[in-house]
């Protein structure tokens, strides 16, 4: 072993000892073995890093196509909400029967309106906060999972509209809305971290987005608990979400002026 190699090995060993990777009884007899371990570890780390770099590499895809897909899914899902209100199987032959039918679907109609307002709010948040200039595979799939949860809203809306007296129906609807918010948060965090955003890149902008979404998350939990434990009409408190968000947006823009 030449002098330069010996110095290099000694430096690596001292560094390894400081990090408690090797025992203190390392001697010249197993120096080469420890060096090979270090080299294998470095190779594994290097291979993993190359995989991560390839996985997170920016794609040559126009972000506008993803935005177009998102808009299309939102429009379809918002339209599908109305299918949760079906006409009766038997033909209504008198006015009393018609009144009874309207009363039977009133709760479903109310929840449909609530869900439509929430979807409209999520659509606005997506266009306001997610102004993307680049894409990669992780971000695309985060967006896809976000859209998958959006697609479940008509189904969970029908569940809570018809079976709101069951606590599980409230849980399913609440988890659906929460999952939408969670994936939106993950999308925003990842896009901000990777520098994909055209705007909202400062810490103040980031804080505004997070706080807005935290309000929606908190409202989802509180409203669903009140809806089941106190009165089903508390679900209409969801209608305050766009109002609160609008007020926060106005306050935020006033600070920037």
Protein backbone atom coordinates (compact mmCIF):
# COMPACT_ATOMS: atom_id res chain seq x y z
CA UNK A 1 0.00 0.00 0.00
CA UNK A 2 1.56 3.32 -1.07
CA UNK A 3 1.70 6.36 1.18
CA UNK A 4 -1.14 8.27 -0.50
CA UNK A 5 -3.46 5.26 -0.33
CA UNK A 6 -2.60 4.71 3.31
CA UNK A 7 -3.43 8.34 4.15
CA UNK A 8 -6.71 8.14 2.25
CA UNK A 9 -7.67 4.89 3.98
CA UNK A 10 -6.82 6.31 7.37
CA UNK A 11 -9.00 9.36 6.73
CA UNK A 12 -11.94 7.18 5.72
CA UNK A 13 -11.51 4.98 8.75
CA UNK A 14 -11.38 7.92 11.12
CA UNK A 15 -14.49 9.38 9.53
CA UNK A 16 -16.26 6.02 9.80
CA UNK A 17 -15.29 5.70 13.47
CA UNK A 18 -16.65 9.16 14.21
CA UNK A 19 -19.97 8.14 12.66
CA UNK A 20 -19.97 4.86 14.61
CA UNK A 21 -20.09 2.82 11.43
CA UNK A 22 -17.14 0.62 12.48
CA UNK A 23 -15.78 -0.57 15.78
CA UNK A 24 -12.71 0.97 17.36
CA UNK A 25 -10.62 -2.19 16.96
CA UNK A 26 -10.15 -1.78 13.18
CA UNK A 27 -6.56 -2.55 12.23
CA UNK A 28 -4.44 -2.83 9.13
CA UNK A 29 -5.51 -6.44 8.54
CA UNK A 30 -9.13 -5.58 7.72
CA UNK A 31 -8.61 -2.15 6.17
CA UNK A 32 -9.11 -3.48 2.63
CA UNK A 33 -12.30 -5.25 3.66
CA UNK A 34 -13.71 -2.07 5.18
CA UNK A 35 -12.76 -0.15 2.06
CA UNK A 36 -14.67 -2.65 -0.08
CA UNK A 37 -17.69 -2.25 2.21
CA UNK A 38 -17.49 1.50 1.77
CA UNK A 39 -17.24 1.12 -1.99
CA UNK A 40 -20.24 -1.24 -2.12
CA UNK A 41 -22.27 1.13 0.03
CA UNK A 42 -21.31 4.03 -2.21
CA UNK A 43 -22.30 2.02 -5.28
CA UNK A 44 -25.73 1.20 -3.82
CA UNK A 45 -26.29 4.83 -2.87
CA UNK A 46 -25.18 5.94 -6.32
CA UNK A 47 -27.54 3.46 -8.03
CA UNK A 48 -30.45 4.56 -5.84
CA UNK A 49 -29.70 8.21 -6.54
CA UNK A 50 -29.60 7.59 -10.29
CA UNK A 51 -32.99 5.85 -10.02
CA UNK A 52 -34.46 8.78 -8.06
CA UNK A 53 -33.02 11.30 -10.53
CA UNK A 54 -34.48 9.36 -13.47
CA UNK A 55 -37.85 9.01 -11.70
CA UNK A 56 -38.05 12.74 -10.93
CA UNK A 57 -36.68 13.91 -14.27
CA UNK A 58 -38.77 16.63 -15.92
CA UNK A 59 -40.97 15.34 -18.73
CA UNK A 60 -41.41 16.91 -22.14
CA UNK A 61 -45.16 17.22 -21.69
CA UNK A 62 -47.15 20.41 -22.03
CA UNK A 63 -48.63 21.19 -18.57
CA UNK A 64 -51.66 22.52 -20.42
CA UNK A 65 -52.65 18.96 -21.31
CA UNK A 66 -52.81 18.00 -17.64
CA UNK A 67 -54.82 21.11 -16.88
CA UNK A 68 -57.18 20.22 -19.74
CA UNK A 69 -57.65 16.72 -18.35
CA UNK A 70 -58.31 18.16 -14.89
CA UNK A 71 -60.90 20.59 -16.26
CA UNK A 72 -62.60 17.79 -18.19
CA UNK A 73 -62.86 15.52 -15.16
CA UNK A 74 -64.20 18.34 -12.99
CA UNK A 75 -66.89 19.15 -15.55
CA UNK A 76 -67.94 15.49 -15.85
CA UNK A 77 -68.00 14.91 -12.08
CA UNK A 78 -70.00 18.09 -11.45
CA UNK A 79 -72.50 16.96 -14.07
CA UNK A 80 -72.75 13.44 -12.62
CA UNK A 81 -73.90 14.83 -9.28
CA UNK A 82 -77.41 15.28 -10.64
CA UNK A 83 -77.74 11.55 -11.32
CA UNK A 84 -77.91 11.02 -7.56
CA UNK A 85 -81.49 12.29 -7.78
CA UNK A 86 -83.58 9.75 -9.67
CA UNK A 87 -87.26 9.84 -10.55
CA UNK A 88 -89.49 7.33 -8.74
CA UNK A 89 -89.88 3.91 -10.34
CA UNK A 90 -93.67 4.20 -10.26
CA UNK A 91 -95.43 6.99 -12.11
CA UNK A 92 -96.82 9.76 -9.92
CA UNK A 93 -100.56 10.12 -10.57
CA UNK A 94 -101.61 12.83 -8.12
CA UNK A 95 -100.39 16.05 -6.56
CA UNK A 96 -99.97 14.53 -3.10
CA UNK A 97 -97.67 11.87 -4.50
CA UNK A 98 -95.66 14.55 -6.27
CA UNK A 99 -95.26 16.55 -3.04
CA UNK A 100 -94.14 13.40 -1.23
CA UNK A 101 -91.60 12.72 -3.96
CA UNK A 102 -90.16 16.26 -3.76
CA UNK A 103 -89.88 15.90 0.01
CA UNK A 104 -88.11 12.56 -0.32
CA UNK A 105 -85.38 13.95 -2.59
CA UNK A 106 -84.95 17.29 -0.79
CA UNK A 107 -82.13 15.98 1.42
CA UNK A 108 -80.31 14.50 -1.58
CA UNK A 109 -80.75 17.74 -3.53
CA UNK A 110 -79.27 19.71 -0.65
CA UNK A 111 -76.20 17.51 -0.46
CA UNK A 112 -75.79 17.72 -4.26
CA UNK A 113 -75.68 21.52 -3.99
CA UNK A 114 -73.11 21.27 -1.19
CA UNK A 115 -70.95 18.89 -3.20
CA UNK A 116 -71.22 21.08 -6.29
CA UNK A 117 -70.03 24.09 -4.30
CA UNK A 118 -67.13 22.10 -2.86
CA UNK A 119 -66.13 20.86 -6.32
CA UNK A 120 -66.30 24.42 -7.65
CA UNK A 121 -64.06 25.52 -4.77
CA UNK A 122 -61.52 22.76 -5.49
CA UNK A 123 -61.54 23.69 -9.16
CA UNK A 124 -60.87 27.33 -8.27
CA UNK A 125 -58.08 26.32 -5.87
CA UNK A 126 -56.48 24.18 -8.57
CA UNK A 127 -56.46 27.03 -11.08
CA UNK A 128 -55.41 29.65 -8.55
CA UNK A 129 -52.67 27.73 -6.78
CA UNK A 130 -51.46 25.06 -9.23
CA UNK A 131 -50.01 27.16 -12.04
CA UNK A 132 -47.49 24.63 -13.32
CA UNK A 133 -44.68 25.29 -15.77
CA UNK A 134 -43.04 21.83 -15.66
CA UNK A 135 -44.06 18.24 -14.97
CA UNK A 136 -42.53 14.96 -13.89
CA UNK A 137 -43.86 11.47 -13.11
CA UNK A 138 -44.42 11.92 -9.32
CA UNK A 139 -46.37 15.14 -9.80
CA UNK A 140 -48.53 13.65 -12.57
CA UNK A 141 -49.52 10.72 -10.37
CA UNK A 142 -50.23 12.96 -7.40
CA UNK A 143 -52.56 14.89 -9.68
CA UNK A 144 -54.13 11.62 -10.87
CA UNK A 145 -54.83 10.45 -7.31
CA UNK A 146 -56.29 13.88 -6.59
CA UNK A 147 -58.62 13.47 -9.59
CA UNK A 148 -59.48 9.90 -8.54
CA UNK A 149 -60.76 11.22 -5.22
CA UNK A 150 -62.67 13.94 -7.05
CA UNK A 151 -64.38 11.23 -9.12
CA UNK A 152 -65.69 9.52 -5.97
CA UNK A 153 -67.60 12.61 -4.80
CA UNK A 154 -70.83 11.87 -6.74
CA UNK A 155 -70.94 8.39 -5.19
CA UNK A 156 -70.26 9.54 -1.62
CA UNK A 157 -72.74 12.38 -2.13
CA UNK A 158 -75.46 9.84 -2.95
CA UNK A 159 -74.51 7.80 0.11
CA UNK A 160 -74.78 10.68 2.56
CA UNK A 161 -77.88 12.04 0.81
CA UNK A 162 -79.78 8.77 1.20
CA UNK A 163 -78.23 7.38 4.38
CA UNK A 164 -77.17 10.37 6.46
CA UNK A 165 -78.72 8.73 9.54
CA UNK A 166 -75.85 6.23 9.50
CA UNK A 167 -72.61 7.51 10.98
CA UNK A 168 -70.55 5.50 8.49
CA UNK A 169 -72.07 7.43 5.59
CA UNK A 170 -70.83 10.67 7.17
CA UNK A 171 -67.40 9.12 7.66
CA UNK A 172 -67.20 8.01 4.01
CA UNK A 173 -68.20 11.43 2.71
CA UNK A 174 -65.86 13.20 5.12
CA UNK A 175 -62.92 10.95 4.24
CA UNK A 176 -63.57 11.58 0.55
CA UNK A 177 -63.39 15.35 1.01
CA UNK A 178 -60.36 15.05 3.32
CA UNK A 179 -58.50 12.86 0.82
CA UNK A 180 -59.09 15.46 -1.89
CA UNK A 181 -57.58 18.15 0.33
CA UNK A 182 -54.66 15.92 1.38
CA UNK A 183 -53.68 15.12 -2.21
CA UNK A 184 -54.02 18.79 -3.10
CA UNK A 185 -51.62 19.63 -0.27
CA UNK A 186 -49.18 16.96 -1.47
CA UNK A 187 -49.38 18.30 -5.03
CA UNK A 188 -48.72 21.84 -3.91
CA UNK A 189 -45.88 20.86 -1.58
CA UNK A 190 -44.16 18.76 -4.24
CA UNK A 191 -44.62 21.36 -6.99
CA UNK A 192 -43.29 24.09 -4.70
CA UNK A 193 -40.32 21.94 -3.66
CA UNK A 194 -39.42 21.08 -7.27
CA UNK A 195 -39.88 24.63 -8.57
CA UNK A 196 -42.76 23.72 -10.88
CA UNK A 197 -44.93 26.67 -9.89
CA UNK A 198 -45.10 29.84 -11.94
CA UNK A 199 -46.40 31.76 -8.96
CA UNK A 200 -46.92 31.29 -5.20
CA UNK A 201 -43.29 30.40 -4.61
CA UNK A 202 -42.55 32.67 -1.65
CA UNK A 203 -42.99 31.52 1.94
CA UNK A 204 -45.85 33.98 2.42
CA UNK A 205 -47.67 32.60 -0.63
CA UNK A 206 -47.04 29.05 0.55
CA UNK A 207 -48.42 29.85 4.00
CA UNK A 208 -51.57 31.36 2.48
CA UNK A 209 -52.26 28.21 0.44
CA UNK A 210 -51.66 25.85 3.35
CA UNK A 211 -53.82 27.84 5.76
CA UNK A 212 -56.67 27.97 3.23
CA UNK A 213 -56.58 24.20 2.79
CA UNK A 214 -56.26 23.62 6.54
CA UNK A 215 -59.49 25.58 7.00
CA UNK A 216 -61.23 23.29 4.52
CA UNK A 217 -59.87 20.21 6.33
CA UNK A 218 -61.00 21.49 9.72
CA UNK A 219 -64.42 22.45 8.38
CA UNK A 220 -64.84 18.96 6.91
CA UNK A 221 -64.24 17.26 10.25
CA UNK A 222 -66.36 19.67 12.28
CA UNK A 223 -69.29 19.74 9.84
CA UNK A 224 -69.50 15.96 9.58
CA UNK A 225 -69.44 15.55 13.36
CA UNK A 226 -72.16 18.17 13.78
CA UNK A 227 -74.16 16.71 10.91
CA UNK A 228 -74.43 13.32 12.59
CA UNK A 229 -74.43 14.18 16.28
CA UNK A 230 -76.52 17.37 16.32
CA UNK A 231 -78.56 17.98 13.17
CA UNK A 232 -78.27 16.82 9.54
CA UNK A 233 -78.73 20.39 8.36
CA UNK A 234 -75.26 21.26 9.64
CA UNK A 235 -73.87 19.85 6.41
CA UNK A 236 -74.91 23.13 4.78
CA UNK A 237 -72.10 24.80 6.69
CA UNK A 238 -69.92 23.58 3.83
CA UNK A 239 -71.46 26.44 1.85
CA UNK A 240 -69.32 28.78 3.97
CA UNK A 241 -66.11 27.31 2.51
CA UNK A 242 -66.08 29.45 -0.67
CA UNK A 243 -67.12 32.52 1.32
CA UNK A 244 -64.28 32.07 3.82
CA UNK A 245 -61.81 31.34 1.02
CA UNK A 246 -62.91 34.46 -0.87
CA UNK A 247 -62.51 36.65 2.21
CA UNK A 248 -59.04 35.20 2.83
CA UNK A 249 -58.09 35.79 -0.79
CA UNK A 250 -59.21 39.42 -0.66
CA UNK A 251 -57.26 39.96 2.58
CA UNK A 252 -54.19 38.35 1.07
CA UNK A 253 -54.35 40.45 -2.11
CA UNK A 254 -54.79 43.61 -0.04
CA UNK A 255 -51.53 42.81 1.79
CA UNK A 256 -49.71 42.47 -1.52
CA UNK A 257 -50.89 45.86 -2.80
